Amino acid sequence: MKVRVNSDLCQGHSRCCSLAPELFEVDDYGLSSALNDGEVPAGMEQKAQLCIDSCPEFAIEMVDGK
């Protein structure tokens, strides 16, 4: 599983970073990005989905891991 943050949609609420700091980071402007090239480690899929579901701007999406 891979995730991606759409930087055009992210408004800097940082919920993803609060919920899963091992998957997301915040830049100097408060905008989020996925760590590890968006690769979600085994066992973290549920937490990644929680971040996708919790983003008020729908800026986080699951992408094909291939």
C-alpha atoms as a PDB file:
ATOM      1  CA  MET A   1       0.000   0.000   0.000  1.00  0.00           C
ATOM      2  CA  LYS A   2       1.167   3.504  -0.833  1.00  0.00           C
ATOM      3  CA  VAL A   3      -0.291   6.879   0.071  1.00  0.00           C
ATOM      4  CA  ARG A   4       0.168  10.307  -1.432  1.00  0.00           C
ATOM      5  CA  VAL A   5      -0.664  13.797  -0.193  1.00  0.00           C
ATOM      6  CA  ASN A   6      -2.021  16.124  -2.868  1.00  0.00           C
ATOM      7  CA  SER A   7      -0.158  19.348  -2.106  1.00  0.00           C
ATOM      8  CA  ASP A   8      -2.754  21.379  -4.024  1.00  0.00           C
ATOM      9  CA  LEU A   9      -5.466  20.232  -1.604  1.00  0.00           C
ATOM     10  CA  CYS A  10      -3.548  20.100   1.705  1.00  0.00           C
ATOM     11  CA  GLN A  11      -4.427  23.050   3.936  1.00  0.00           C
ATOM     12  CA  GLY A  12      -2.092  22.211   6.813  1.00  0.00           C
ATOM     13  CA  HIS A  13      -4.516  20.767   9.353  1.00  0.00           C
ATOM     14  CA  SER A  14      -1.816  18.159  10.170  1.00  0.00           C
ATOM     15  CA  ARG A  15      -4.272  15.532  11.363  1.00  0.00           C
ATOM     16  CA  CYS A  16      -2.328  12.890   9.435  1.00  0.00           C
ATOM     17  CA  CYS A  17       0.884  13.802  11.230  1.00  0.00           C
ATOM     18  CA  SER A  18      -0.860  13.710  14.577  1.00  0.00           C
ATOM     19  CA  LEU A  19      -2.418  10.319  13.854  1.00  0.00           C
ATOM     20  CA  ALA A  20       0.575   8.703  12.141  1.00  0.00           C
ATOM     21  CA  PRO A  21       3.882  10.580  12.517  1.00  0.00           C
ATOM     22  CA  GLU A  22       5.630   7.467  11.233  1.00  0.00           C
ATOM     23  CA  LEU A  23       3.842   7.894   7.875  1.00  0.00           C
ATOM     24  CA  PHE A  24       3.641  11.691   7.396  1.00  0.00           C
ATOM     25  CA  GLU A  25       5.710  14.792   8.049  1.00  0.00           C
ATOM     26  CA  VAL A  26       5.001  18.530   7.995  1.00  0.00           C
ATOM     27  CA  ASP A  27       7.135  21.070   6.144  1.00  0.00           C
ATOM     28  CA  ASP A  28       8.021  24.607   7.240  1.00  0.00           C
ATOM     29  CA  TYR A  29       4.723  25.873   5.804  1.00  0.00           C
ATOM     30  CA  GLY A  30       2.626  23.346   7.736  1.00  0.00           C
ATOM     31  CA  LEU A  31       1.834  21.197   4.708  1.00  0.00           C
ATOM     32  CA  SER A  32       2.019  17.424   4.958  1.00  0.00           C
ATOM     33  CA  SER A  33       3.841  14.906   2.829  1.00  0.00           C
ATOM     34  CA  ALA A  34       4.168  11.139   2.969  1.00  0.00           C
ATOM     35  CA  LEU A  35       7.356   9.629   4.349  1.00  0.00           C
ATOM     36  CA  ASN A  36       9.248   6.711   2.767  1.00  0.00           C
ATOM     37  CA  ASP A  37       8.046   7.585  -0.727  1.00  0.00           C
ATOM     38  CA  GLY A  38       4.501   6.944   0.501  1.00  0.00           C
ATOM     39  CA  GLU A  39       5.184   3.279   1.216  1.00  0.00           C
ATOM     40  CA  VAL A  40       3.055   2.071   4.134  1.00  0.00           C
ATOM     41  CA  PRO A  41       4.829  -0.586   6.211  1.00  0.00           C
ATOM     42  CA  ALA A  42       3.074  -3.871   6.912  1.00  0.00           C
ATOM     43  CA  GLY A  43       0.731  -3.540   9.853  1.00  0.00           C
ATOM     44  CA  MET A  44       0.219   0.209   9.341  1.00  0.00           C
ATOM     45  CA  GLU A  45      -2.501  -0.045   6.691  1.00  0.00           C
ATOM     46  CA  GLN A  46      -5.328   0.612   9.143  1.00  0.00           C
ATOM     47  CA  LYS A  47      -3.574   3.709  10.474  1.00  0.00           C
ATOM     48  CA  ALA A  48      -2.998   4.959   6.926  1.00  0.00           C
ATOM     49  CA  GLN A  49      -6.684   4.466   6.140  1.00  0.00           C
ATOM     50  CA  LEU A  50      -7.602   6.408   9.301  1.00  0.00           C
ATOM     51  CA  CYS A  51      -5.502   9.311   8.016  1.00  0.00           C
ATOM     52  CA  ILE A  52      -7.173   9.139   4.602  1.00  0.00           C
ATOM     53  CA  ASP A  53     -10.605   9.149   6.249  1.00  0.00           C
ATOM     54  CA  SER A  54      -9.694  11.954   8.695  1.00  0.00           C
ATOM     55  CA  CYS A  55      -8.331  14.470   6.203  1.00  0.00           C
ATOM     56  CA  PRO A  56     -10.871  17.329   6.008  1.00  0.00           C
ATOM     57  CA  GLU A  57      -9.582  18.384   2.578  1.00  0.00           C
ATOM     58  CA  PHE A  58      -9.482  14.823   1.121  1.00  0.00           C
ATOM     59  CA  ALA A  59      -5.820  15.496   0.289  1.00  0.00           C
ATOM     60  CA  ILE A  60      -4.560  11.991   1.126  1.00  0.00           C
ATOM     61  CA  GLU A  61      -5.151   9.181  -1.304  1.00  0.00           C
ATOM     62  CA  MET A  62      -4.144   5.582  -1.707  1.00  0.00           C
ATOM     63  CA  VAL A  63      -2.101   4.921  -4.831  1.00  0.00           C
ATOM     64  CA  ASP A  64      -1.142   1.776  -6.639  1.00  0.00           C
ATOM     65  CA  GLY A  65       1.995   0.405  -5.032  1.00  0.00           C
ATOM     66  CA  LYS A  66       3.373  -1.014  -8.293  1.00  0.00           C
END
